Amino acid sequence: MTTRKNISIRDEQEEWIQDNHLNLSSFVQEKLDELIEERES
């Protein structure tokens, strides 16, 4: 199951994301998983 959330980013971040074809959703999910893992250890 997934939940939709809205976030705000700066204009230069949006430009970088577009230039680098980053999937922001996947990126955030991966980083959150890393943080969760670190804090549960």
N, C-alpha and C. Protein backbone atom coordinates (compact mmCIF):
# COMPACT_ATOMS: atom_id res chain seq x y z
N MET A 1 0.85 -1.19 0.00
CA MET A 1 0.00 0.00 0.00
C MET A 1 0.89 1.24 0.00
N THR A 2 0.46 2.27 -0.69
CA THR A 2 1.19 3.53 -0.71
C THR A 2 0.25 4.67 -0.35
N THR A 3 0.84 5.72 0.15
CA THR A 3 0.10 6.93 0.50
C THR A 3 0.71 8.09 -0.25
N ARG A 4 -0.11 8.94 -0.78
CA ARG A 4 0.38 10.12 -1.50
C ARG A 4 0.60 11.26 -0.52
N LYS A 5 1.73 11.95 -0.69
CA LYS A 5 2.08 13.12 0.11
C LYS A 5 2.56 14.21 -0.82
N ASN A 6 2.36 15.44 -0.43
CA ASN A 6 2.89 16.57 -1.19
C ASN A 6 4.07 17.16 -0.45
N ILE A 7 5.12 17.51 -1.19
CA ILE A 7 6.27 18.16 -0.58
C ILE A 7 6.59 19.43 -1.38
N SER A 8 7.32 20.31 -0.75
CA SER A 8 7.79 21.53 -1.43
C SER A 8 9.29 21.44 -1.61
N ILE A 9 9.74 21.82 -2.80
CA ILE A 9 11.16 21.86 -3.07
C ILE A 9 11.48 23.21 -3.72
N ARG A 10 12.74 23.58 -3.63
CA ARG A 10 13.17 24.84 -4.24
C ARG A 10 13.23 24.70 -5.76
N ASP A 11 13.16 25.83 -6.44
CA ASP A 11 13.19 25.82 -7.90
C ASP A 11 14.45 25.16 -8.45
N GLU A 12 15.62 25.45 -7.83
CA GLU A 12 16.86 24.86 -8.33
C GLU A 12 16.89 23.35 -8.10
N GLN A 13 16.19 22.88 -7.06
CA GLN A 13 16.09 21.43 -6.84
C GLN A 13 15.23 20.80 -7.93
N GLU A 14 14.17 21.43 -8.28
CA GLU A 14 13.30 20.92 -9.35
C GLU A 14 14.06 20.84 -10.66
N GLU A 15 14.84 21.85 -10.94
CA GLU A 15 15.64 21.86 -12.16
C GLU A 15 16.64 20.70 -12.16
N TRP A 16 17.31 20.49 -11.04
CA TRP A 16 18.28 19.41 -10.95
C TRP A 16 17.59 18.06 -11.12
N ILE A 17 16.45 17.89 -10.49
CA ILE A 17 15.68 16.64 -10.60
C ILE A 17 15.33 16.36 -12.07
N GLN A 18 14.87 17.37 -12.75
CA GLN A 18 14.50 17.21 -14.16
C GLN A 18 15.73 16.91 -15.02
N ASP A 19 16.80 17.65 -14.79
CA ASP A 19 18.04 17.45 -15.57
C ASP A 19 18.62 16.06 -15.38
N ASN A 20 18.44 15.50 -14.20
CA ASN A 20 19.04 14.21 -13.87
C ASN A 20 18.04 13.05 -13.90
N HIS A 21 16.84 13.33 -14.34
CA HIS A 21 15.81 12.31 -14.51
C HIS A 21 15.61 11.48 -13.25
N LEU A 22 15.59 12.17 -12.13
CA LEU A 22 15.43 11.49 -10.84
C LEU A 22 13.95 11.22 -10.57
N ASN A 23 13.66 10.01 -10.15
CA ASN A 23 12.31 9.69 -9.70
C ASN A 23 12.24 10.08 -8.23
N LEU A 24 11.60 11.20 -7.97
CA LEU A 24 11.58 11.76 -6.62
C LEU A 24 10.88 10.83 -5.63
N SER A 25 9.85 10.19 -6.04
CA SER A 25 9.13 9.27 -5.16
C SER A 25 10.04 8.13 -4.70
N SER A 26 10.71 7.51 -5.65
CA SER A 26 11.62 6.41 -5.31
C SER A 26 12.76 6.89 -4.43
N PHE A 27 13.28 8.06 -4.74
CA PHE A 27 14.38 8.62 -3.98
C PHE A 27 13.98 8.83 -2.52
N VAL A 28 12.84 9.44 -2.30
CA VAL A 28 12.36 9.70 -0.93
C VAL A 28 12.09 8.39 -0.20
N GLN A 29 11.48 7.44 -0.86
CA GLN A 29 11.21 6.15 -0.24
C GLN A 29 12.50 5.46 0.20
N GLU A 30 13.50 5.48 -0.66
CA GLU A 30 14.78 4.84 -0.33
C GLU A 30 15.45 5.53 0.86
N LYS A 31 15.45 6.86 0.86
CA LYS A 31 16.09 7.60 1.95
C LYS A 31 15.34 7.38 3.27
N LEU A 32 14.03 7.32 3.22
CA LEU A 32 13.26 7.06 4.42
C LEU A 32 13.55 5.66 4.95
N ASP A 33 13.64 4.68 4.05
CA ASP A 33 13.98 3.32 4.47
C ASP A 33 15.34 3.29 5.16
N GLU A 34 16.31 4.03 4.61
CA GLU A 34 17.64 4.10 5.23
C GLU A 34 17.57 4.69 6.63
N LEU A 35 16.83 5.77 6.79
CA LEU A 35 16.69 6.40 8.11
C LEU A 35 15.99 5.48 9.10
N ILE A 36 14.97 4.82 8.65
CA ILE A 36 14.24 3.89 9.51
C ILE A 36 15.18 2.78 9.98
N GLU A 37 15.94 2.24 9.05
CA GLU A 37 16.89 1.18 9.36
C GLU A 37 17.92 1.65 10.40
N GLU A 38 18.46 2.84 10.17
CA GLU A 38 19.46 3.39 11.10
C GLU A 38 18.89 3.57 12.50
N ARG A 39 17.71 4.07 12.59
CA ARG A 39 17.12 4.38 13.90
C ARG A 39 16.61 3.15 14.62
N GLU A 40 16.36 2.10 13.90
CA GLU A 40 15.90 0.86 14.53
C GLU A 40 17.09 0.01 15.00
N SER A 41 18.26 0.34 14.54
CA SER A 41 19.47 -0.43 14.90
C SER A 41 19.96 -0.06 16.27
